[in-house]
Amino acid sequence: MPRNRIGRREFVKQAGTAALAAGLAGAGLAPLTARAQGKTLKIVQWSHFVPAYDKWFDGTFCKEWGQKHNTQVIVDHISIGEINARAAAEASAQQGHDLFLFLSPPAAYEHQVIDHAEVYQAVEKKWGKPIDLGVKSTLNPRTKKYFAFSDSYVPDPGNYRQDLWSQVGYPNGPDTWDDVRKGAKAIKEKLGNPCGIGLSQELDTNMAMRAILWSFGGAEQDPDGRVVINSPQTIEALKFMRALHKEAQTNEVFTWDPSSNNRGILAGKLSFVQNAISVTRTAEKENPEMSRKIQIVPTAKGPVRRIAAEHVMNCYVVWKFAQNKDGAKQFLIDYIDAFPAAFKASEFYNFPCFPKTVPDLGQQLQNDPKAHPPDKYKVLSTVLDWATNVGFPGYATAAIDEVFNTFVLPTMFAKVARDELSPEESARAAEREIKRIFDKWKA
């Protein structure tokens, strides 16, 4: 990680209106004054890994919602890599979209957004309370403000090549991180296929490193928000990842982007990746033979616990400068009413933060005609037993947000895997950086 990186607050200040203008022009958006009379709701969100979801969201839900509310709904899709820069530009310019979808808790933007408490309250009246994962990803426990609204999250299981793992004694895939290390090493030595756990500055690495850290008993902070990264448990997690990398991986993982592990396992190269089911869904459409070979398991169990971050945490925000705040809030409320259709359209990718919206989730997972076998995805029915929020065991605070988006943990692990620092040195370096970030946000 470069020494001169900047935090989100500085980035917001520096982004400027020029970046926003360029981004909006690239998206084909005209100024509001040029629009025809009538209400408009502008939404920006990522291009979903399951294209069928975007087709449903844009072409069915938004279209029908707009007709019902006499509103022109404009949805702009951007790549994962564009999200942070676009958000910073809009916040700096104080103009842009009404609804902005982040894929991780955007706590650093608390002062730029409305309090989404009334959205939660309206939804709870009909669908009950949200899961704890959703609350801890959108609530500031000190200010009691909901800085975002989370409709859904994405599980982060293990995806493994069953044909390869069967040849080294694991026909049902790895159950523990020790299994991952032993099995992946044996596969690479015997068959040549490396393991695919990223060690770069991107989303999938961010999530995988947290799963390993937490499963060994380490964490960035304790429940009260105190920095505890420099611990014996963290040291053991770092030693494990260094061994796994040296024994079973290749140095390509240091330069990966969020889709590299997908591409690698779908191409038949990798033996195991920690990723959402976008891997297998893509295979079902593009390579049915490979789809049959790739199976999924819950996140691996470590010496202390079985745990992982959600792969994606949908966090919608309504900017304070939004032109249609009321429409944006109503859109979110109505979207939850339609979540049963959203769950199906996402092909089981987006899981509900309000479980009552999909009461038969377990039954659907056990009988999917697209999957091979049909109950392939049933392991995800226990996801809330092992999925947690960024910032575990505390909340997703603004400081945690910056730690996440400046890739402190991937850097800590990568430096050890490369032998640039010892586990102890890397843990101390991460401690200094995380304390600096925490102190800045306290100030």
Protein backbone atom coordinates (compact mmCIF):
# COMPACT_ATOMS: atom_id res chain seq x y z
CA MET A 1 0.00 0.00 0.00
CA PRO A 2 1.52 3.39 -0.93
CA ARG A 3 2.58 5.61 1.94
CA ASN A 4 0.88 8.67 0.47
CA ARG A 5 -2.61 7.15 0.29
CA ILE A 6 -5.40 9.38 1.50
CA GLY A 7 -8.45 8.61 3.59
CA ARG A 8 -12.01 8.94 2.37
CA ARG A 9 -12.53 12.34 4.00
CA GLU A 10 -9.55 13.80 2.15
CA PHE A 11 -10.57 12.02 -1.01
CA VAL A 12 -14.04 13.55 -0.83
CA LYS A 13 -12.50 16.99 -0.51
CA GLN A 14 -10.14 16.48 -3.43
CA ALA A 15 -12.43 14.71 -5.87
CA GLY A 16 -14.07 17.92 -7.06
CA THR A 17 -16.92 18.71 -9.31
CA ALA A 18 -14.92 17.97 -12.43
CA ALA A 19 -14.91 14.26 -11.69
CA LEU A 20 -18.63 14.34 -11.11
CA ALA A 21 -19.29 16.19 -14.34
CA ALA A 22 -17.18 13.73 -16.28
CA GLY A 23 -18.91 10.80 -14.62
CA LEU A 24 -22.40 12.11 -15.25
CA ALA A 25 -21.59 13.00 -18.81
CA GLY A 26 -20.22 9.53 -19.34
CA ALA A 27 -23.43 8.08 -17.97
CA GLY A 28 -25.46 10.12 -20.43
CA LEU A 29 -27.27 12.17 -17.80
CA ALA A 30 -28.65 15.55 -18.73
CA PRO A 31 -28.94 18.41 -16.20
CA LEU A 32 -32.19 18.46 -14.27
CA THR A 33 -33.19 21.76 -15.89
CA ALA A 34 -33.18 20.06 -19.27
CA ARG A 35 -35.63 17.39 -18.22
CA ALA A 36 -39.28 17.36 -19.03
CA GLN A 37 -41.71 18.37 -16.31
CA GLY A 38 -42.52 15.68 -13.74
CA LYS A 39 -40.80 13.83 -10.95
CA THR A 40 -37.50 12.06 -11.49
CA LEU A 41 -35.70 9.51 -9.35
CA LYS A 42 -32.04 8.91 -10.13
CA ILE A 43 -30.32 5.76 -8.92
CA VAL A 44 -26.75 4.61 -9.34
CA GLN A 45 -25.62 1.09 -8.55
CA TRP A 46 -23.17 -1.55 -9.68
CA SER A 47 -23.61 -3.76 -12.70
CA HIS A 48 -24.78 -6.91 -10.97
CA PHE A 49 -22.76 -10.10 -11.37
CA VAL A 50 -26.04 -11.83 -12.25
CA PRO A 51 -27.30 -9.96 -15.35
CA ALA A 52 -30.84 -11.29 -14.87
CA TYR A 53 -31.11 -9.18 -11.73
CA ASP A 54 -30.40 -5.91 -13.56
CA LYS A 55 -32.90 -6.89 -16.23
CA TRP A 56 -35.59 -7.40 -13.59
CA PHE A 57 -34.63 -4.33 -11.54
CA ASP A 58 -34.49 -1.90 -14.46
CA GLY A 59 -37.06 -3.36 -16.79
CA THR A 60 -39.69 -4.60 -14.37
CA PHE A 61 -39.52 -3.17 -10.87
CA CYS A 62 -38.32 0.36 -11.68
CA LYS A 63 -40.60 0.61 -14.69
CA GLU A 64 -43.69 -0.45 -12.74
CA TRP A 65 -42.75 1.66 -9.72
CA GLY A 66 -42.25 4.73 -11.91
CA GLN A 67 -45.63 4.29 -13.56
CA LYS A 68 -47.34 3.91 -10.19
CA HIS A 69 -45.70 7.02 -8.75
CA ASN A 70 -45.69 9.16 -11.90
CA THR A 71 -41.90 9.26 -11.75
CA GLN A 72 -39.19 8.82 -14.33
CA VAL A 73 -36.76 6.35 -12.79
CA ILE A 74 -33.24 6.56 -14.19
CA VAL A 75 -30.82 3.79 -13.23
CA ASP A 76 -27.11 4.15 -14.00
CA HIS A 77 -24.94 1.07 -13.66
CA ILE A 78 -21.25 1.31 -12.86
CA SER A 79 -18.50 -1.23 -12.16
CA ILE A 80 -17.38 -2.13 -8.66
CA GLY A 81 -14.14 -0.24 -9.15
CA GLU A 82 -15.98 3.00 -9.90
CA ILE A 83 -18.17 3.09 -6.79
CA ASN A 84 -15.89 4.90 -4.35
CA ALA A 85 -14.69 7.51 -6.83
CA ARG A 86 -18.23 8.27 -8.02
CA ALA A 87 -19.50 8.58 -4.44
CA ALA A 88 -16.66 10.93 -3.52
CA ALA A 89 -17.32 13.08 -6.58
CA GLU A 90 -21.05 13.38 -5.88
CA ALA A 91 -20.48 14.22 -2.22
CA SER A 92 -17.90 16.85 -3.15
CA ALA A 93 -20.13 18.45 -5.77
CA GLN A 94 -23.25 18.10 -3.61
CA GLN A 95 -25.22 16.85 -6.57
CA GLY A 96 -25.74 13.65 -8.48
CA HIS A 97 -28.14 10.80 -7.80
CA ASP A 98 -30.95 10.50 -5.29
CA LEU A 99 -30.13 6.92 -4.33
CA PHE A 100 -26.58 5.58 -4.23
CA LEU A 101 -25.80 1.89 -3.67
CA PHE A 102 -22.59 0.96 -1.87
CA LEU A 103 -21.38 -2.63 -1.57
CA SER A 104 -19.89 -2.14 1.88
CA PRO A 105 -20.99 0.00 4.85
CA PRO A 106 -20.45 3.69 3.89
CA ALA A 107 -20.15 5.00 7.45
CA ALA A 108 -17.68 7.72 6.43
CA TYR A 109 -20.52 9.48 4.60
CA GLU A 110 -22.77 9.80 7.66
CA HIS A 111 -22.84 13.59 7.49
CA GLN A 112 -23.65 13.58 3.77
CA VAL A 113 -26.78 11.43 4.00
CA ILE A 114 -30.20 11.48 5.63
CA ASP A 115 -31.08 9.44 8.68
CA HIS A 116 -32.62 6.30 7.21
CA ALA A 117 -34.38 5.38 10.47
CA GLU A 118 -37.83 6.19 9.10
CA VAL A 119 -37.24 3.83 6.17
CA TYR A 120 -36.35 1.04 8.57
CA GLN A 121 -39.37 1.84 10.73
CA ALA A 122 -41.76 1.75 7.79
CA VAL A 123 -40.38 -1.58 6.58
CA GLU A 124 -40.36 -3.11 10.06
CA LYS A 125 -44.09 -2.47 10.47
CA LYS A 126 -44.75 -4.92 7.65
CA TRP A 127 -41.77 -7.27 7.61
CA GLY A 128 -40.40 -7.29 11.14
CA LYS A 129 -36.93 -6.40 12.35
CA PRO A 130 -33.88 -6.69 10.10
CA ILE A 131 -31.07 -9.13 10.83
CA ASP A 132 -28.27 -8.00 13.14
CA LEU A 133 -25.88 -8.03 10.20
CA GLY A 134 -27.93 -5.31 8.51
CA VAL A 135 -28.15 -3.16 11.64
CA LYS A 136 -24.43 -3.33 12.43
CA SER A 137 -23.67 -2.38 8.83
CA THR A 138 -25.84 0.76 8.77
CA LEU A 139 -26.19 2.13 12.32
CA ASN A 140 -23.81 4.41 14.19
CA PRO A 141 -24.30 3.23 17.79
CA ARG A 142 -22.96 6.50 19.20
CA THR A 143 -25.08 8.96 17.21
CA LYS A 144 -27.98 6.50 16.80
CA LYS A 145 -28.18 7.51 13.15
CA TYR A 146 -28.78 5.04 10.35
CA PHE A 147 -26.34 6.24 7.72
CA ALA A 148 -27.67 3.75 5.15
CA PHE A 149 -30.43 1.24 4.52
CA SER A 150 -29.55 -2.37 3.77
CA ASP A 151 -31.97 -4.49 1.81
CA SER A 152 -29.73 -7.50 1.29
CA TYR A 153 -26.38 -9.16 1.69
CA VAL A 154 -24.45 -11.78 -0.26
CA PRO A 155 -22.99 -14.95 1.31
CA ASP A 156 -19.28 -15.65 0.86
CA PRO A 157 -18.87 -19.45 0.78
CA GLY A 158 -16.02 -21.57 -0.49
CA ASN A 159 -16.14 -22.68 -4.15
CA TYR A 160 -14.12 -25.81 -4.85
CA ARG A 161 -13.39 -28.13 -7.77
CA GLN A 162 -14.91 -31.39 -6.54
CA ASP A 163 -13.12 -33.45 -9.17
CA LEU A 164 -9.74 -32.17 -7.94
CA TRP A 165 -10.42 -32.33 -4.22
CA SER A 166 -11.74 -35.88 -4.53
CA GLN A 167 -8.35 -36.98 -5.84
CA VAL A 168 -6.61 -35.83 -2.65
CA GLY A 169 -9.06 -37.24 -0.13
CA TYR A 170 -11.64 -34.46 0.17
CA PRO A 171 -14.67 -35.50 -1.95
CA ASN A 172 -16.91 -33.11 -0.02
CA GLY A 173 -14.46 -30.24 -0.12
CA PRO A 174 -12.55 -28.60 2.74
CA ASP A 175 -14.30 -28.00 6.06
CA THR A 176 -11.53 -26.14 7.91
CA TRP A 177 -8.79 -23.72 6.93
CA ASP A 178 -6.34 -26.49 7.79
CA ASP A 179 -8.16 -28.64 5.22
CA VAL A 180 -7.83 -25.83 2.68
CA ARG A 181 -4.08 -25.65 3.24
CA LYS A 182 -3.45 -29.41 3.17
CA GLY A 183 -5.80 -30.16 0.29
CA ALA A 184 -4.74 -27.21 -1.85
CA LYS A 185 -1.07 -28.10 -1.36
CA ALA A 186 -1.71 -31.70 -2.37
CA ILE A 187 -3.66 -30.65 -5.46
CA LYS A 188 -0.96 -28.26 -6.62
CA GLU A 189 1.76 -30.85 -6.12
CA LYS A 190 -0.18 -33.69 -7.75
CA LEU A 191 -2.25 -31.92 -10.42
CA GLY A 192 -0.72 -28.46 -10.80
CA ASN A 193 -3.84 -26.43 -9.98
CA PRO A 194 -3.15 -23.60 -7.51
CA CYS A 195 -5.47 -22.28 -4.81
CA GLY A 196 -7.07 -18.90 -5.47
CA ILE A 197 -7.17 -16.75 -2.33
CA GLY A 198 -6.44 -13.15 -3.36
CA LEU A 199 -3.75 -10.97 -1.79
CA SER A 200 -4.33 -7.70 -3.61
CA GLN A 201 -6.17 -4.45 -2.97
CA GLU A 202 -9.65 -5.45 -4.08
CA LEU A 203 -13.02 -6.50 -2.63
CA ASP A 204 -12.64 -10.28 -2.64
CA THR A 205 -9.27 -10.12 -0.88
CA ASN A 206 -10.73 -7.72 1.69
CA MET A 207 -13.38 -10.30 2.54
CA ALA A 208 -11.17 -13.40 2.44
CA MET A 209 -8.54 -11.88 4.72
CA ARG A 210 -11.22 -10.98 7.25
CA ALA A 211 -12.56 -14.52 7.20
CA ILE A 212 -9.09 -15.90 7.96
CA LEU A 213 -8.29 -13.25 10.57
CA TRP A 214 -11.55 -13.69 12.48
CA SER A 215 -11.54 -17.49 12.26
CA PHE A 216 -8.16 -17.48 14.00
CA GLY A 217 -9.54 -15.19 16.72
CA GLY A 218 -8.08 -11.89 15.52
CA ALA A 219 -9.89 -8.65 14.71
CA GLU A 220 -9.28 -5.01 13.88
CA GLN A 221 -11.26 -3.79 16.88
CA ASP A 222 -13.04 -5.13 19.96
CA PRO A 223 -16.80 -4.67 20.60
CA ASP A 224 -16.10 -1.25 22.14
CA GLY A 225 -14.13 0.04 19.16
CA ARG A 226 -10.63 -0.31 20.58
CA VAL A 227 -7.85 -1.33 18.17
CA VAL A 228 -6.74 -4.92 18.88
CA ILE A 229 -5.17 -5.99 15.57
CA ASN A 230 -1.73 -6.65 17.07
CA SER A 231 -2.50 -9.90 18.86
CA PRO A 232 -1.18 -13.48 19.02
CA GLN A 233 -4.27 -14.58 17.10
CA THR A 234 -3.48 -12.17 14.25
CA ILE A 235 0.10 -13.45 14.17
CA GLU A 236 -1.16 -17.02 13.74
CA ALA A 237 -3.52 -15.97 10.94
CA LEU A 238 -0.62 -14.27 9.14
CA LYS A 239 1.57 -17.34 9.50
CA PHE A 240 -1.21 -19.49 8.10
CA MET A 241 -1.77 -17.31 5.03
CA ARG A 242 1.96 -17.16 4.31
CA ALA A 243 2.14 -20.96 4.42
CA LEU A 244 -0.97 -21.39 2.28
CA HIS A 245 0.37 -19.00 -0.33
CA LYS A 246 3.84 -20.51 -0.51
CA GLU A 247 2.59 -24.09 -0.59
CA ALA A 248 -0.44 -23.79 -2.85
CA GLN A 249 -0.69 -20.50 -4.74
CA THR A 250 1.06 -18.39 -7.37
CA ASN A 251 2.18 -14.78 -7.23
CA GLU A 252 -0.59 -13.78 -9.63
CA VAL A 253 -2.82 -13.26 -6.59
CA PHE A 254 -0.89 -10.09 -5.68
CA THR A 255 -2.27 -8.25 -8.73
CA TRP A 256 -5.80 -9.63 -8.92
CA ASP A 257 -8.97 -7.61 -9.51
CA PRO A 258 -12.41 -8.63 -8.13
CA SER A 259 -13.15 -10.96 -11.04
CA SER A 260 -9.76 -12.68 -11.26
CA ASN A 261 -10.66 -15.58 -8.99
CA ASN A 262 -13.95 -16.05 -10.90
CA ARG A 263 -12.12 -16.21 -14.20
CA GLY A 264 -9.44 -18.52 -12.83
CA ILE A 265 -11.71 -21.22 -11.48
CA LEU A 266 -14.12 -21.01 -14.42
CA ALA A 267 -11.18 -21.49 -16.79
CA GLY A 268 -10.26 -24.69 -14.96
CA LYS A 269 -7.08 -23.30 -13.45
CA LEU A 270 -7.87 -22.87 -9.73
CA SER A 271 -8.81 -25.48 -7.15
CA PHE A 272 -10.54 -23.26 -4.56
CA VAL A 273 -11.78 -19.67 -4.20
CA GLN A 274 -13.61 -17.77 -1.48
CA ASN A 275 -16.39 -16.06 -3.41
CA ALA A 276 -20.10 -15.57 -3.88
CA ILE A 277 -22.17 -17.90 -6.04
CA SER A 278 -21.65 -15.67 -9.05
CA VAL A 279 -18.94 -18.25 -9.82
CA THR A 280 -21.32 -21.15 -10.17
CA ARG A 281 -24.14 -19.14 -11.70
CA THR A 282 -21.83 -18.01 -14.47
CA ALA A 283 -20.70 -21.58 -15.03
CA GLU A 284 -24.29 -22.80 -15.29
CA LYS A 285 -24.86 -20.45 -18.21
CA GLU A 286 -21.50 -20.50 -19.96
CA ASN A 287 -19.86 -23.82 -19.08
CA PRO A 288 -22.31 -26.45 -17.76
CA GLU A 289 -19.59 -29.09 -17.58
CA MET A 290 -17.50 -26.90 -15.29
CA SER A 291 -20.62 -26.06 -13.29
CA ARG A 292 -20.96 -29.72 -12.35
CA LYS A 293 -17.36 -29.76 -11.13
CA ILE A 294 -17.60 -26.64 -8.96
CA GLN A 295 -19.41 -27.18 -5.67
CA ILE A 296 -19.75 -24.95 -2.62
CA VAL A 297 -19.12 -25.31 1.10
CA PRO A 298 -19.71 -22.96 4.05
CA THR A 299 -16.80 -20.70 4.86
CA ALA A 300 -13.97 -22.70 6.40
CA LYS A 301 -13.67 -23.13 10.15
CA GLY A 302 -10.57 -21.82 11.88
CA PRO A 303 -9.01 -22.70 15.24
CA VAL A 304 -11.48 -20.39 17.01
CA ARG A 305 -14.65 -20.20 14.93
CA ARG A 306 -16.32 -20.58 11.54
CA ILE A 307 -16.92 -17.05 10.34
CA ALA A 308 -16.71 -14.79 7.29
CA ALA A 309 -17.78 -11.35 6.22
CA GLU A 310 -20.65 -11.11 3.83
CA HIS A 311 -19.27 -10.97 0.31
CA VAL A 312 -21.33 -7.89 -0.53
CA MET A 313 -23.41 -5.72 1.81
CA ASN A 314 -26.00 -3.75 -0.13
CA CYS A 315 -26.16 -0.30 1.50
CA TYR A 316 -28.39 2.29 -0.14
CA VAL A 317 -28.01 5.92 0.87
CA VAL A 318 -30.22 8.91 0.20
CA TRP A 319 -27.94 11.92 -0.09
CA LYS A 320 -28.85 15.08 1.83
CA PHE A 321 -28.55 16.92 -1.48
CA ALA A 322 -30.89 14.50 -3.28
CA GLN A 323 -33.53 16.23 -5.38
CA ASN A 324 -36.18 13.60 -4.63
CA LYS A 325 -35.67 12.43 -1.03
CA ASP A 326 -39.29 11.43 -0.50
CA GLY A 327 -39.33 9.39 -3.69
CA ALA A 328 -36.06 7.71 -2.78
CA LYS A 329 -37.33 6.69 0.65
CA GLN A 330 -40.60 5.37 -0.77
CA PHE A 331 -38.69 3.46 -3.42
CA LEU A 332 -36.70 1.61 -0.75
CA ILE A 333 -39.82 0.79 1.24
CA ASP A 334 -41.59 -0.56 -1.83
CA TYR A 335 -38.52 -2.44 -2.96
CA ILE A 336 -38.62 -4.57 0.19
CA ASP A 337 -42.22 -5.48 -0.63
CA ALA A 338 -40.89 -6.81 -3.94
CA PHE A 339 -37.92 -8.63 -2.45
CA PRO A 340 -39.30 -12.14 -3.09
CA ALA A 341 -39.00 -11.34 -6.81
CA ALA A 342 -35.58 -9.74 -6.28
CA PHE A 343 -34.27 -12.87 -4.57
CA LYS A 344 -35.34 -15.01 -7.50
CA ALA A 345 -34.09 -12.54 -10.09
CA SER A 346 -30.66 -12.50 -8.41
CA GLU A 347 -30.64 -16.31 -8.61
CA PHE A 348 -30.11 -16.61 -4.84
CA TYR A 349 -27.25 -14.08 -4.91
CA ASN A 350 -28.97 -11.36 -2.82
CA PHE A 351 -30.15 -12.67 0.57
CA PRO A 352 -32.80 -10.70 2.51
CA CYS A 353 -31.97 -8.47 5.45
CA PHE A 354 -35.66 -8.84 6.34
CA PRO A 355 -36.03 -12.65 6.48
CA LYS A 356 -39.83 -12.63 6.46
CA THR A 357 -39.77 -11.39 2.87
CA VAL A 358 -38.52 -14.83 1.77
CA PRO A 359 -40.03 -17.25 4.30
CA ASP A 360 -39.38 -20.28 2.09
CA LEU A 361 -35.72 -19.44 1.44
CA GLY A 362 -34.50 -22.82 2.66
CA GLN A 363 -36.95 -24.69 0.46
CA GLN A 364 -35.94 -22.70 -2.61
CA LEU A 365 -32.26 -23.39 -1.95
CA GLN A 366 -32.88 -27.13 -1.75
CA ASN A 367 -34.52 -27.45 -5.13
CA ASP A 368 -33.01 -25.30 -7.85
CA PRO A 369 -33.53 -26.71 -11.36
CA LYS A 370 -30.54 -24.71 -12.66
CA ALA A 371 -28.13 -26.27 -10.19
CA HIS A 372 -26.33 -29.59 -10.36
CA PRO A 373 -27.25 -31.25 -8.11
CA PRO A 374 -30.55 -29.41 -7.46
CA ASP A 375 -29.71 -28.99 -3.76
CA LYS A 376 -26.28 -27.52 -4.50
CA TYR A 377 -27.08 -24.26 -2.73
CA LYS A 378 -28.68 -25.69 0.40
CA VAL A 379 -25.44 -25.09 2.35
CA LEU A 380 -26.30 -21.38 2.22
CA SER A 381 -29.39 -21.90 4.38
CA THR A 382 -27.12 -21.67 7.46
CA VAL A 383 -25.32 -18.55 6.30
CA LEU A 384 -26.41 -16.42 9.25
CA ASP A 385 -24.63 -18.86 11.54
CA TRP A 386 -21.28 -17.81 10.05
CA ALA A 387 -21.71 -14.50 8.19
CA THR A 388 -20.97 -11.24 9.98
CA ASN A 389 -20.41 -7.55 9.28
CA VAL A 390 -17.31 -5.63 8.35
CA GLY A 391 -16.02 -4.35 11.68
CA PHE A 392 -16.82 -7.53 13.64
CA PRO A 393 -17.14 -7.84 16.61
CA GLY A 394 -18.07 -4.17 16.68
CA TYR A 395 -20.00 -1.97 14.28
CA ALA A 396 -19.09 -0.78 10.79
CA THR A 397 -17.90 2.68 11.83
CA ALA A 398 -16.40 5.47 9.75
CA ALA A 399 -12.94 4.41 10.90
CA ILE A 400 -13.61 0.80 9.89
CA ASP A 401 -14.92 2.11 6.57
CA GLU A 402 -11.59 3.80 5.90
CA VAL A 403 -9.59 0.77 7.02
CA PHE A 404 -11.65 -1.30 4.61
CA ASN A 405 -11.36 1.03 1.63
CA THR A 406 -7.63 1.65 2.07
CA PHE A 407 -7.01 -2.12 2.18
CA VAL A 408 -5.05 -2.19 5.42
CA LEU A 409 -5.72 -5.88 6.04
CA PRO A 410 -4.87 -7.15 2.52
CA THR A 411 -1.64 -5.16 2.74
CA MET A 412 -0.82 -6.66 6.15
CA PHE A 413 -1.30 -10.19 4.83
CA ALA A 414 0.44 -9.56 1.49
CA LYS A 415 3.60 -8.19 3.09
CA VAL A 416 3.97 -11.36 5.12
CA ALA A 417 3.19 -13.64 2.18
CA ARG A 418 5.90 -11.85 0.17
CA ASP A 419 8.37 -12.06 3.08
CA GLU A 420 8.67 -8.29 3.07
CA LEU A 421 7.81 -8.22 6.80
CA SER A 422 7.62 -10.83 9.52
CA PRO A 423 4.15 -11.58 10.91
CA GLU A 424 5.01 -9.60 14.04
CA GLU A 425 6.31 -6.61 12.07
CA SER A 426 3.32 -6.57 9.76
CA ALA A 427 0.86 -6.74 12.66
CA ARG A 428 2.61 -3.79 14.31
CA ALA A 429 2.56 -1.80 11.07
CA ALA A 430 -1.16 -2.48 10.65
CA GLU A 431 -1.73 -1.48 14.27
CA ARG A 432 -0.03 1.89 13.71
CA GLU A 433 -2.08 2.55 10.59
CA ILE A 434 -5.41 1.50 12.10
CA LYS A 435 -4.77 3.55 15.24
CA ARG A 436 -3.95 6.55 13.07
CA ILE A 437 -7.23 6.15 11.21
CA PHE A 438 -9.23 5.60 14.40
CA ASP A 439 -7.64 8.66 16.06
CA LYS A 440 -8.41 10.79 13.02
CA TRP A 441 -12.10 9.90 13.11
CA LYS A 442 -12.29 10.43 16.87
CA ALA A 443 -10.92 13.92 16.32
